[in-house]
Amino acid sequence: MRQAFVPVLTVVVAIFAIWYVAAIFLNSAWAYDKAKRADVTLSTSQLISDTWSQDKPKLPAPHQVGREIWKTTVEKKITSKRSLIYHSWITLSATLLGFAMGTVFGTLLAVGIVYNRTMDMSVMPWVITSQTIPILAVAPMIIVVLNAVGISGLLPKAMISMYLSFFPVVVGMVKGLRSPDLMQLDQMRTWNASSAQTFWRLRLPSSMPYFFTSLKIAMAASLVGAIVGELPTGAVAGLGARLLAGSYYGQTIQIWSALIMAAALAASLVAIIGVVQRVMLRRMGMS
């Protein structure tokens, strides 16, 4: 445990050190400008203190972001429109729905690609091509089309999340379902196993390590999709809405607190998938 903890702590300390130094350099122009107008000379300690305490800094210091997160999580009611927990729940709802849809859709596509040569030759290239289109270009089109048919709210954001999350599931499951070697497949034929039996007893169990790895990527992509889906709609709730409001009013501390909250949310979701992965693979005798 110590061997794993020390490298992580070292990286975290280095990140915070670089962050604090960068805050000094990026915020110093405003500090010098205020000092020039007040006709005073800043000492090094005064410069550092000013750059780490500005109301609208170019780059807020870590303690400013931490204070903002504390104020908007612990000191606010969960139902408050200023609570990061409230906004995180709105984004999480779209993320989980889009992730579930993307997982089911991606898995079904992967099975079709593996078992149907026509789908392999025709669908797989389109699956890959779909990811070359920037999500910022796709998101407004999805929202406009769905709004035109009377669908709004959670589902359009979930569709954007699904668009980003299904791809890693397809790729991972195709690789996983094709992972059994020829000797294993020949053994199943020797036992006169049907295609369904081969799928359930060989291909699907063999694909589980690939499946869970792709789920971790898909979950992170799904969260990005949910946040992006909140931007073109001018949403008033969700982490994307917090980012949008912060950019409108130059509230960089609010922007960074929403970004850190989104990162923490993604890390938590991926960690949950990791726990499920370890439990399931252990029960299957794979770890």
C-alpha atoms as a PDB file:
ATOM      1  CA  MET A   1       0.000   0.000   0.000  1.00  0.00           C
ATOM      2  CA  ARG A   2       2.862   2.362   0.785  1.00  0.00           C
ATOM      3  CA  GLN A   3       4.451   1.651  -2.596  1.00  0.00           C
ATOM      4  CA  ALA A   4       1.215   2.688  -4.307  1.00  0.00           C
ATOM      5  CA  PHE A   5       0.523   5.696  -2.060  1.00  0.00           C
ATOM      6  CA  VAL A   6       3.892   7.469  -2.265  1.00  0.00           C
ATOM      7  CA  PRO A   7       3.998   7.857  -6.091  1.00  0.00           C
ATOM      8  CA  VAL A   8       0.405   9.101  -6.167  1.00  0.00           C
ATOM      9  CA  LEU A   9       1.079  11.594  -3.357  1.00  0.00           C
ATOM     10  CA  THR A  10       4.223  12.799  -5.146  1.00  0.00           C
ATOM     11  CA  VAL A  11       2.298  13.458  -8.353  1.00  0.00           C
ATOM     12  CA  VAL A  12      -0.487  15.269  -6.470  1.00  0.00           C
ATOM     13  CA  VAL A  13       2.008  17.501  -4.637  1.00  0.00           C
ATOM     14  CA  ALA A  14       3.774  18.288  -7.924  1.00  0.00           C
ATOM     15  CA  ILE A  15       0.477  19.215  -9.580  1.00  0.00           C
ATOM     16  CA  PHE A  16      -0.477  21.549  -6.746  1.00  0.00           C
ATOM     17  CA  ALA A  17       2.980  23.166  -6.766  1.00  0.00           C
ATOM     18  CA  ILE A  18       2.820  23.794 -10.522  1.00  0.00           C
ATOM     19  CA  TRP A  19      -0.754  25.060 -10.141  1.00  0.00           C
ATOM     20  CA  TYR A  20       0.197  27.598  -7.468  1.00  0.00           C
ATOM     21  CA  VAL A  21       3.205  28.835  -9.466  1.00  0.00           C
ATOM     22  CA  ALA A  22       1.112  29.124 -12.632  1.00  0.00           C
ATOM     23  CA  ALA A  23      -1.491  31.147 -10.709  1.00  0.00           C
ATOM     24  CA  ILE A  24       1.187  33.662  -9.745  1.00  0.00           C
ATOM     25  CA  PHE A  25       2.371  34.147 -13.333  1.00  0.00           C
ATOM     26  CA  LEU A  26      -1.082  34.263 -14.936  1.00  0.00           C
ATOM     27  CA  ASN A  27      -2.620  36.598 -12.344  1.00  0.00           C
ATOM     28  CA  SER A  28       0.386  38.895 -11.873  1.00  0.00           C
ATOM     29  CA  ALA A  29      -0.586  41.250 -14.734  1.00  0.00           C
ATOM     30  CA  TRP A  30      -3.749  42.330 -12.905  1.00  0.00           C
ATOM     31  CA  ALA A  31      -1.858  42.671  -9.610  1.00  0.00           C
ATOM     32  CA  TYR A  32       0.809  44.892 -11.203  1.00  0.00           C
ATOM     33  CA  ASP A  33      -1.881  46.946 -12.951  1.00  0.00           C
ATOM     34  CA  LYS A  34      -3.659  47.641  -9.644  1.00  0.00           C
ATOM     35  CA  ALA A  35      -0.364  48.529  -7.989  1.00  0.00           C
ATOM     36  CA  LYS A  36       0.555  50.896 -10.849  1.00  0.00           C
ATOM     37  CA  ARG A  37      -2.763  52.723 -10.591  1.00  0.00           C
ATOM     38  CA  ALA A  38      -2.345  52.992  -6.823  1.00  0.00           C
ATOM     39  CA  ASP A  39       1.272  54.138  -7.337  1.00  0.00           C
ATOM     40  CA  VAL A  40       2.720  51.483  -5.036  1.00  0.00           C
ATOM     41  CA  THR A  41       5.437  48.870  -5.440  1.00  0.00           C
ATOM     42  CA  LEU A  42       4.575  45.251  -4.750  1.00  0.00           C
ATOM     43  CA  SER A  43       6.915  43.065  -2.765  1.00  0.00           C
ATOM     44  CA  THR A  44       7.198  39.381  -3.595  1.00  0.00           C
ATOM     45  CA  SER A  45       5.001  38.376  -0.669  1.00  0.00           C
ATOM     46  CA  GLN A  46       2.375  40.982  -1.614  1.00  0.00           C
ATOM     47  CA  LEU A  47       2.402  39.796  -5.233  1.00  0.00           C
ATOM     48  CA  ILE A  48       1.887  36.177  -4.187  1.00  0.00           C
ATOM     49  CA  SER A  49      -0.867  37.121  -1.754  1.00  0.00           C
ATOM     50  CA  ASP A  50      -2.678  39.188  -4.389  1.00  0.00           C
ATOM     51  CA  THR A  51      -2.453  36.586  -7.159  1.00  0.00           C
ATOM     52  CA  TRP A  52      -3.830  33.907  -4.840  1.00  0.00           C
ATOM     53  CA  SER A  53      -6.821  35.962  -3.646  1.00  0.00           C
ATOM     54  CA  GLN A  54      -8.276  37.765  -6.674  1.00  0.00           C
ATOM     55  CA  ASP A  55     -12.059  37.642  -7.143  1.00  0.00           C
ATOM     56  CA  LYS A  56     -11.897  36.852 -10.876  1.00  0.00           C
ATOM     57  CA  PRO A  57      -8.431  35.463 -11.538  1.00  0.00           C
ATOM     58  CA  LYS A  58      -7.318  34.045 -14.856  1.00  0.00           C
ATOM     59  CA  LEU A  59      -6.289  30.937 -12.952  1.00  0.00           C
ATOM     60  CA  PRO A  60      -7.694  30.504  -9.445  1.00  0.00           C
ATOM     61  CA  ALA A  61      -5.424  29.008  -6.803  1.00  0.00           C
ATOM     62  CA  PRO A  62      -6.276  25.510  -5.512  1.00  0.00           C
ATOM     63  CA  HIS A  63      -7.448  26.805  -2.125  1.00  0.00           C
ATOM     64  CA  GLN A  64      -9.879  29.183  -3.876  1.00  0.00           C
ATOM     65  CA  VAL A  65     -11.379  26.299  -5.835  1.00  0.00           C
ATOM     66  CA  GLY A  66     -11.512  24.173  -2.688  1.00  0.00           C
ATOM     67  CA  ARG A  67     -13.287  26.928  -0.786  1.00  0.00           C
ATOM     68  CA  GLU A  68     -15.830  27.324  -3.597  1.00  0.00           C
ATOM     69  CA  ILE A  69     -16.505  23.572  -3.662  1.00  0.00           C
ATOM     70  CA  TRP A  70     -16.977  23.568   0.115  1.00  0.00           C
ATOM     71  CA  LYS A  71     -19.394  26.498  -0.050  1.00  0.00           C
ATOM     72  CA  THR A  72     -21.447  24.954  -2.876  1.00  0.00           C
ATOM     73  CA  THR A  73     -21.608  21.426  -1.433  1.00  0.00           C
ATOM     74  CA  VAL A  74     -21.466  21.476   2.367  1.00  0.00           C
ATOM     75  CA  GLU A  75     -22.865  24.955   3.031  1.00  0.00           C
ATOM     76  CA  LYS A  76     -25.706  24.788   0.505  1.00  0.00           C
ATOM     77  CA  LYS A  77     -28.851  22.694   0.624  1.00  0.00           C
ATOM     78  CA  ILE A  78     -28.887  19.895  -1.929  1.00  0.00           C
ATOM     79  CA  THR A  79     -32.045  21.333  -3.493  1.00  0.00           C
ATOM     80  CA  SER A  80     -30.486  24.780  -3.902  1.00  0.00           C
ATOM     81  CA  LYS A  81     -29.834  25.954  -7.465  1.00  0.00           C
ATOM     82  CA  ARG A  82     -26.376  27.008  -6.249  1.00  0.00           C
ATOM     83  CA  SER A  83     -25.484  23.572  -4.919  1.00  0.00           C
ATOM     84  CA  LEU A  84     -22.914  21.633  -6.910  1.00  0.00           C
ATOM     85  CA  ILE A  85     -24.497  18.418  -5.658  1.00  0.00           C
ATOM     86  CA  TYR A  86     -27.805  19.464  -7.241  1.00  0.00           C
ATOM     87  CA  HIS A  87     -26.119  20.269 -10.556  1.00  0.00           C
ATOM     88  CA  SER A  88     -24.039  17.077 -10.388  1.00  0.00           C
ATOM     89  CA  TRP A  89     -27.208  15.008  -9.965  1.00  0.00           C
ATOM     90  CA  ILE A  90     -28.761  16.593 -13.076  1.00  0.00           C
ATOM     91  CA  THR A  91     -25.669  15.738 -15.116  1.00  0.00           C
ATOM     92  CA  LEU A  92     -25.355  12.302 -13.520  1.00  0.00           C
ATOM     93  CA  SER A  93     -28.918  11.391 -14.526  1.00  0.00           C
ATOM     94  CA  ALA A  94     -28.198  12.051 -18.208  1.00  0.00           C
ATOM     95  CA  THR A  95     -24.814  10.344 -17.898  1.00  0.00           C
ATOM     96  CA  LEU A  96     -26.183   7.098 -16.488  1.00  0.00           C
ATOM     97  CA  LEU A  97     -29.075   6.934 -18.963  1.00  0.00           C
ATOM     98  CA  GLY A  98     -26.769   7.609 -21.911  1.00  0.00           C
ATOM     99  CA  PHE A  99     -24.224   5.118 -20.568  1.00  0.00           C
ATOM    100  CA  ALA A 100     -26.879   2.396 -20.243  1.00  0.00           C
ATOM    101  CA  MET A 101     -28.189   3.070 -23.746  1.00  0.00           C
ATOM    102  CA  GLY A 102     -24.678   3.163 -25.196  1.00  0.00           C
ATOM    103  CA  THR A 103     -23.719  -0.081 -23.446  1.00  0.00           C
ATOM    104  CA  VAL A 104     -26.768  -1.974 -24.730  1.00  0.00           C
ATOM    105  CA  PHE A 105     -26.477  -0.531 -28.244  1.00  0.00           C
ATOM    106  CA  GLY A 106     -22.725  -1.105 -28.423  1.00  0.00           C
ATOM    107  CA  THR A 107     -22.998  -4.685 -27.165  1.00  0.00           C
ATOM    108  CA  LEU A 108     -25.719  -5.573 -29.681  1.00  0.00           C
ATOM    109  CA  LEU A 109     -23.701  -4.034 -32.499  1.00  0.00           C
ATOM    110  CA  ALA A 110     -20.607  -5.969 -31.430  1.00  0.00           C
ATOM    111  CA  VAL A 111     -22.491  -9.280 -31.407  1.00  0.00           C
ATOM    112  CA  GLY A 112     -23.864  -8.552 -34.882  1.00  0.00           C
ATOM    113  CA  ILE A 113     -20.426  -7.597 -36.200  1.00  0.00           C
ATOM    114  CA  VAL A 114     -18.819 -10.764 -34.834  1.00  0.00           C
ATOM    115  CA  TYR A 115     -21.521 -13.160 -36.045  1.00  0.00           C
ATOM    116  CA  ASN A 116     -22.473 -11.476 -39.326  1.00  0.00           C
ATOM    117  CA  ARG A 117     -19.836 -10.856 -41.970  1.00  0.00           C
ATOM    118  CA  THR A 118     -22.064  -8.365 -43.801  1.00  0.00           C
ATOM    119  CA  MET A 119     -22.329  -6.223 -40.676  1.00  0.00           C
ATOM    120  CA  ASP A 120     -18.595  -6.580 -40.108  1.00  0.00           C
ATOM    121  CA  MET A 121     -17.821  -5.247 -43.587  1.00  0.00           C
ATOM    122  CA  SER A 122     -20.524  -2.567 -43.676  1.00  0.00           C
ATOM    123  CA  VAL A 123     -21.336  -1.395 -40.143  1.00  0.00           C
ATOM    124  CA  MET A 124     -17.896  -1.360 -38.521  1.00  0.00           C
ATOM    125  CA  PRO A 125     -16.443   1.295 -40.885  1.00  0.00           C
ATOM    126  CA  TRP A 126     -19.446   3.527 -40.180  1.00  0.00           C
ATOM    127  CA  VAL A 127     -19.034   3.034 -36.447  1.00  0.00           C
ATOM    128  CA  ILE A 128     -15.442   4.233 -36.733  1.00  0.00           C
ATOM    129  CA  THR A 129     -16.379   7.103 -39.062  1.00  0.00           C
ATOM    130  CA  SER A 130     -19.050   8.324 -36.632  1.00  0.00           C
ATOM    131  CA  GLN A 131     -16.382   9.203 -34.093  1.00  0.00           C
ATOM    132  CA  THR A 132     -14.535  11.500 -36.505  1.00  0.00           C
ATOM    133  CA  ILE A 133     -17.409  14.013 -36.366  1.00  0.00           C
ATOM    134  CA  PRO A 134     -16.852  16.575 -33.569  1.00  0.00           C
ATOM    135  CA  ILE A 135     -19.400  16.173 -30.797  1.00  0.00           C
ATOM    136  CA  LEU A 136     -19.847  19.960 -30.635  1.00  0.00           C
ATOM    137  CA  ALA A 137     -21.195  19.794 -34.202  1.00  0.00           C
ATOM    138  CA  VAL A 138     -23.435  16.791 -33.542  1.00  0.00           C
ATOM    139  CA  ALA A 139     -24.942  17.936 -30.225  1.00  0.00           C
ATOM    140  CA  PRO A 140     -26.974  20.915 -31.539  1.00  0.00           C
ATOM    141  CA  MET A 141     -28.338  18.804 -34.420  1.00  0.00           C
ATOM    142  CA  ILE A 142     -29.490  16.050 -32.071  1.00  0.00           C
ATOM    143  CA  ILE A 143     -31.157  18.560 -29.756  1.00  0.00           C
ATOM    144  CA  VAL A 144     -32.899  20.420 -32.616  1.00  0.00           C
ATOM    145  CA  VAL A 145     -34.171  17.210 -34.236  1.00  0.00           C
ATOM    146  CA  LEU A 146     -35.491  15.768 -30.978  1.00  0.00           C
ATOM    147  CA  ASN A 147     -37.088  19.071 -29.980  1.00  0.00           C
ATOM    148  CA  ALA A 148     -38.821  19.157 -33.378  1.00  0.00           C
ATOM    149  CA  VAL A 149     -40.569  15.877 -32.570  1.00  0.00           C
ATOM    150  CA  GLY A 150     -41.451  17.010 -29.054  1.00  0.00           C
ATOM    151  CA  ILE A 151     -38.649  15.307 -27.133  1.00  0.00           C
ATOM    152  CA  SER A 152     -36.776  17.517 -24.661  1.00  0.00           C
ATOM    153  CA  GLY A 153     -35.265  17.431 -21.206  1.00  0.00           C
ATOM    154  CA  LEU A 154     -33.176  14.439 -20.166  1.00  0.00           C
ATOM    155  CA  LEU A 155     -33.356  12.291 -23.302  1.00  0.00           C
ATOM    156  CA  PRO A 156     -31.518  14.608 -25.758  1.00  0.00           C
ATOM    157  CA  LYS A 157     -28.560  14.844 -23.377  1.00  0.00           C
ATOM    158  CA  ALA A 158     -28.645  11.079 -22.876  1.00  0.00           C
ATOM    159  CA  MET A 159     -28.589  10.580 -26.656  1.00  0.00           C
ATOM    160  CA  ILE A 160     -25.438  12.679 -26.904  1.00  0.00           C
ATOM    161  CA  SER A 161     -23.893  10.645 -24.080  1.00  0.00           C
ATOM    162  CA  MET A 162     -24.857   7.453 -25.899  1.00  0.00           C
ATOM    163  CA  TYR A 163     -23.239   8.745 -29.092  1.00  0.00           C
ATOM    164  CA  LEU A 164     -19.900   9.042 -27.295  1.00  0.00           C
ATOM    165  CA  SER A 165     -20.155   5.960 -25.088  1.00  0.00           C
ATOM    166  CA  PHE A 166     -21.260   3.260 -27.520  1.00  0.00           C
ATOM    167  CA  PHE A 167     -18.038   3.354 -29.567  1.00  0.00           C
ATOM    168  CA  PRO A 168     -15.599   2.033 -26.926  1.00  0.00           C
ATOM    169  CA  VAL A 169     -18.142  -0.672 -26.024  1.00  0.00           C
ATOM    170  CA  VAL A 170     -18.370  -1.800 -29.655  1.00  0.00           C
ATOM    171  CA  VAL A 171     -14.613  -1.910 -30.112  1.00  0.00           C
ATOM    172  CA  GLY A 172     -13.972  -3.607 -26.768  1.00  0.00           C
ATOM    173  CA  MET A 173     -16.684  -6.227 -27.194  1.00  0.00           C
ATOM    174  CA  VAL A 174     -15.675  -7.054 -30.770  1.00  0.00           C
ATOM    175  CA  LYS A 175     -12.124  -7.596 -29.571  1.00  0.00           C
ATOM    176  CA  GLY A 176     -13.335  -9.586 -26.564  1.00  0.00           C
ATOM    177  CA  LEU A 177     -15.764 -11.802 -28.455  1.00  0.00           C
ATOM    178  CA  ARG A 178     -13.007 -12.635 -30.928  1.00  0.00           C
ATOM    179  CA  SER A 179     -10.413 -13.292 -28.224  1.00  0.00           C
ATOM    180  CA  PRO A 180     -10.895 -17.114 -27.955  1.00  0.00           C
ATOM    181  CA  ASP A 181      -8.219 -18.837 -30.020  1.00  0.00           C
ATOM    182  CA  LEU A 182      -8.805 -21.452 -32.713  1.00  0.00           C
ATOM    183  CA  MET A 183      -8.033 -24.337 -30.377  1.00  0.00           C
ATOM    184  CA  GLN A 184     -10.805 -23.281 -27.984  1.00  0.00           C
ATOM    185  CA  LEU A 185     -13.283 -22.852 -30.835  1.00  0.00           C
ATOM    186  CA  ASP A 186     -12.322 -26.241 -32.270  1.00  0.00           C
ATOM    187  CA  GLN A 187     -12.856 -27.780 -28.854  1.00  0.00           C
ATOM    188  CA  MET A 188     -16.404 -26.364 -28.760  1.00  0.00           C
ATOM    189  CA  ARG A 189     -17.058 -27.841 -32.221  1.00  0.00           C
ATOM    190  CA  THR A 190     -15.718 -31.190 -31.000  1.00  0.00           C
ATOM    191  CA  TRP A 191     -18.330 -31.076 -28.242  1.00  0.00           C
ATOM    192  CA  ASN A 192     -20.937 -30.323 -30.926  1.00  0.00           C
ATOM    193  CA  ALA A 193     -21.757 -27.011 -29.250  1.00  0.00           C
ATOM    194  CA  SER A 194     -24.226 -24.729 -31.009  1.00  0.00           C
ATOM    195  CA  SER A 195     -23.472 -21.091 -31.847  1.00  0.00           C
ATOM    196  CA  ALA A 196     -25.533 -20.010 -28.837  1.00  0.00           C
ATOM    197  CA  GLN A 197     -23.662 -22.361 -26.512  1.00  0.00           C
ATOM    198  CA  THR A 198     -20.324 -21.181 -27.894  1.00  0.00           C
ATOM    199  CA  PHE A 199     -21.400 -17.591 -27.302  1.00  0.00           C
ATOM    200  CA  TRP A 200     -22.625 -18.016 -23.728  1.00  0.00           C
ATOM    201  CA  ARG A 201     -19.977 -20.457 -22.525  1.00  0.00           C
ATOM    202  CA  LEU A 202     -16.868 -19.290 -24.383  1.00  0.00           C
ATOM    203  CA  ARG A 203     -17.052 -16.001 -26.248  1.00  0.00           C
ATOM    204  CA  LEU A 204     -18.997 -13.969 -23.666  1.00  0.00           C
ATOM    205  CA  PRO A 205     -16.932 -15.056 -20.606  1.00  0.00           C
ATOM    206  CA  SER A 206     -13.717 -14.441 -22.576  1.00  0.00           C
ATOM    207  CA  SER A 207     -14.877 -10.920 -23.438  1.00  0.00           C
ATOM    208  CA  MET A 208     -15.454  -9.782 -19.843  1.00  0.00           C
ATOM    209  CA  PRO A 209     -12.003  -8.211 -19.235  1.00  0.00           C
ATOM    210  CA  TYR A 210     -12.351  -6.262 -22.500  1.00  0.00           C
ATOM    211  CA  PHE A 211     -15.954  -5.385 -21.665  1.00  0.00           C
ATOM    212  CA  PHE A 212     -15.169  -3.808 -18.306  1.00  0.00           C
ATOM    213  CA  THR A 213     -12.194  -1.900 -19.709  1.00  0.00           C
ATOM    214  CA  SER A 214     -14.412  -0.455 -22.425  1.00  0.00           C
ATOM    215  CA  LEU A 215     -17.078   0.403 -19.824  1.00  0.00           C
ATOM    216  CA  LYS A 216     -14.593   2.585 -17.937  1.00  0.00           C
ATOM    217  CA  ILE A 217     -13.815   4.546 -21.095  1.00  0.00           C
ATOM    218  CA  ALA A 218     -17.497   4.687 -22.025  1.00  0.00           C
ATOM    219  CA  MET A 219     -18.475   6.062 -18.608  1.00  0.00           C
ATOM    220  CA  ALA A 220     -15.990   8.927 -18.846  1.00  0.00           C
ATOM    221  CA  ALA A 221     -17.104   9.647 -22.421  1.00  0.00           C
ATOM    222  CA  SER A 222     -20.757   9.548 -21.348  1.00  0.00           C
ATOM    223  CA  LEU A 223     -20.143  12.214 -18.700  1.00  0.00           C
ATOM    224  CA  VAL A 224     -18.436  14.428 -21.278  1.00  0.00           C
ATOM    225  CA  GLY A 225     -21.426  13.938 -23.579  1.00  0.00           C
ATOM    226  CA  ALA A 226     -23.890  14.926 -20.860  1.00  0.00           C
ATOM    227  CA  ILE A 227     -21.950  18.116 -20.103  1.00  0.00           C
ATOM    228  CA  VAL A 228     -21.610  18.985 -23.803  1.00  0.00           C
ATOM    229  CA  GLY A 229     -25.335  18.348 -24.255  1.00  0.00           C
ATOM    230  CA  GLU A 230     -26.122  21.017 -21.674  1.00  0.00           C
ATOM    231  CA  LEU A 231     -24.180  23.733 -23.490  1.00  0.00           C
ATOM    232  CA  PRO A 232     -26.192  24.321 -26.720  1.00  0.00           C
ATOM    233  CA  THR A 233     -29.531  24.267 -24.870  1.00  0.00           C
ATOM    234  CA  GLY A 234     -28.677  27.136 -22.545  1.00  0.00           C
ATOM    235  CA  ALA A 235     -29.474  24.821 -19.647  1.00  0.00           C
ATOM    236  CA  VAL A 236     -29.966  26.316 -16.199  1.00  0.00           C
ATOM    237  CA  ALA A 237     -29.103  23.124 -14.326  1.00  0.00           C
ATOM    238  CA  GLY A 238     -26.205  20.691 -14.562  1.00  0.00           C
ATOM    239  CA  LEU A 239     -22.430  20.998 -14.497  1.00  0.00           C
ATOM    240  CA  GLY A 240     -22.493  22.215 -18.101  1.00  0.00           C
ATOM    241  CA  ALA A 241     -24.843  24.995 -17.044  1.00  0.00           C
ATOM    242  CA  ARG A 242     -22.425  25.975 -14.263  1.00  0.00           C
ATOM    243  CA  LEU A 243     -19.585  26.120 -16.773  1.00  0.00           C
ATOM    244  CA  LEU A 244     -21.704  28.198 -19.146  1.00  0.00           C
ATOM    245  CA  ALA A 245     -22.819  30.640 -16.442  1.00  0.00           C
ATOM    246  CA  GLY A 246     -19.262  30.989 -15.196  1.00  0.00           C
ATOM    247  CA  SER A 247     -17.981  31.802 -18.685  1.00  0.00           C
ATOM    248  CA  TYR A 248     -20.734  34.401 -19.220  1.00  0.00           C
ATOM    249  CA  TYR A 249     -19.859  36.332 -16.065  1.00  0.00           C
ATOM    250  CA  GLY A 250     -16.117  35.663 -15.927  1.00  0.00           C
ATOM    251  CA  GLN A 251     -16.433  33.556 -12.767  1.00  0.00           C
ATOM    252  CA  THR A 252     -13.336  31.433 -13.257  1.00  0.00           C
ATOM    253  CA  ILE A 253     -13.504  30.047  -9.726  1.00  0.00           C
ATOM    254  CA  GLN A 254     -17.012  28.727 -10.465  1.00  0.00           C
ATOM    255  CA  ILE A 255     -15.765  27.216 -13.729  1.00  0.00           C
ATOM    256  CA  TRP A 256     -12.887  25.420 -12.051  1.00  0.00           C
ATOM    257  CA  SER A 257     -15.044  24.144  -9.210  1.00  0.00           C
ATOM    258  CA  ALA A 258     -17.472  22.638 -11.731  1.00  0.00           C
ATOM    259  CA  LEU A 259     -14.559  21.086 -13.640  1.00  0.00           C
ATOM    260  CA  ILE A 260     -13.107  19.537 -10.476  1.00  0.00           C
ATOM    261  CA  MET A 261     -16.554  18.256  -9.494  1.00  0.00           C
ATOM    262  CA  ALA A 262     -16.982  16.681 -12.932  1.00  0.00           C
ATOM    263  CA  ALA A 263     -13.555  15.041 -12.643  1.00  0.00           C
ATOM    264  CA  ALA A 264     -14.390  13.698  -9.177  1.00  0.00           C
ATOM    265  CA  LEU A 265     -17.733  12.389 -10.441  1.00  0.00           C
ATOM    266  CA  ALA A 266     -16.074  10.614 -13.386  1.00  0.00           C
ATOM    267  CA  ALA A 267     -13.391   9.125 -11.126  1.00  0.00           C
ATOM    268  CA  SER A 268     -16.044   7.829  -8.714  1.00  0.00           C
ATOM    269  CA  LEU A 269     -18.087   6.215 -11.480  1.00  0.00           C
ATOM    270  CA  VAL A 270     -15.031   4.578 -13.034  1.00  0.00           C
ATOM    271  CA  ALA A 271     -13.945   3.343  -9.591  1.00  0.00           C
ATOM    272  CA  ILE A 272     -17.363   1.738  -9.074  1.00  0.00           C
ATOM    273  CA  ILE A 273     -17.001  -0.082 -12.384  1.00  0.00           C
ATOM    274  CA  GLY A 274     -13.538  -1.202 -11.276  1.00  0.00           C
ATOM    275  CA  VAL A 275     -14.946  -2.676  -8.069  1.00  0.00           C
ATOM    276  CA  VAL A 276     -17.672  -4.532  -9.992  1.00  0.00           C
ATOM    277  CA  GLN A 277     -15.009  -5.761 -12.415  1.00  0.00           C
ATOM    278  CA  ARG A 278     -12.822  -7.202  -9.672  1.00  0.00           C
ATOM    279  CA  VAL A 279     -15.752  -8.920  -7.951  1.00  0.00           C
ATOM    280  CA  MET A 280     -17.161 -10.437 -11.134  1.00  0.00           C
ATOM    281  CA  LEU A 281     -13.841 -11.565 -12.592  1.00  0.00           C
ATOM    282  CA  ARG A 282     -12.894 -13.106  -9.254  1.00  0.00           C
ATOM    283  CA  ARG A 283     -16.143 -15.044  -9.187  1.00  0.00           C
ATOM    284  CA  MET A 284     -15.455 -16.188 -12.757  1.00  0.00           C
ATOM    285  CA  GLY A 285     -11.983 -17.352 -11.725  1.00  0.00           C
ATOM    286  CA  MET A 286     -10.156 -14.792 -13.875  1.00  0.00           C
ATOM    287  CA  SER A 287      -8.222 -13.009 -11.135  1.00  0.00           C
END
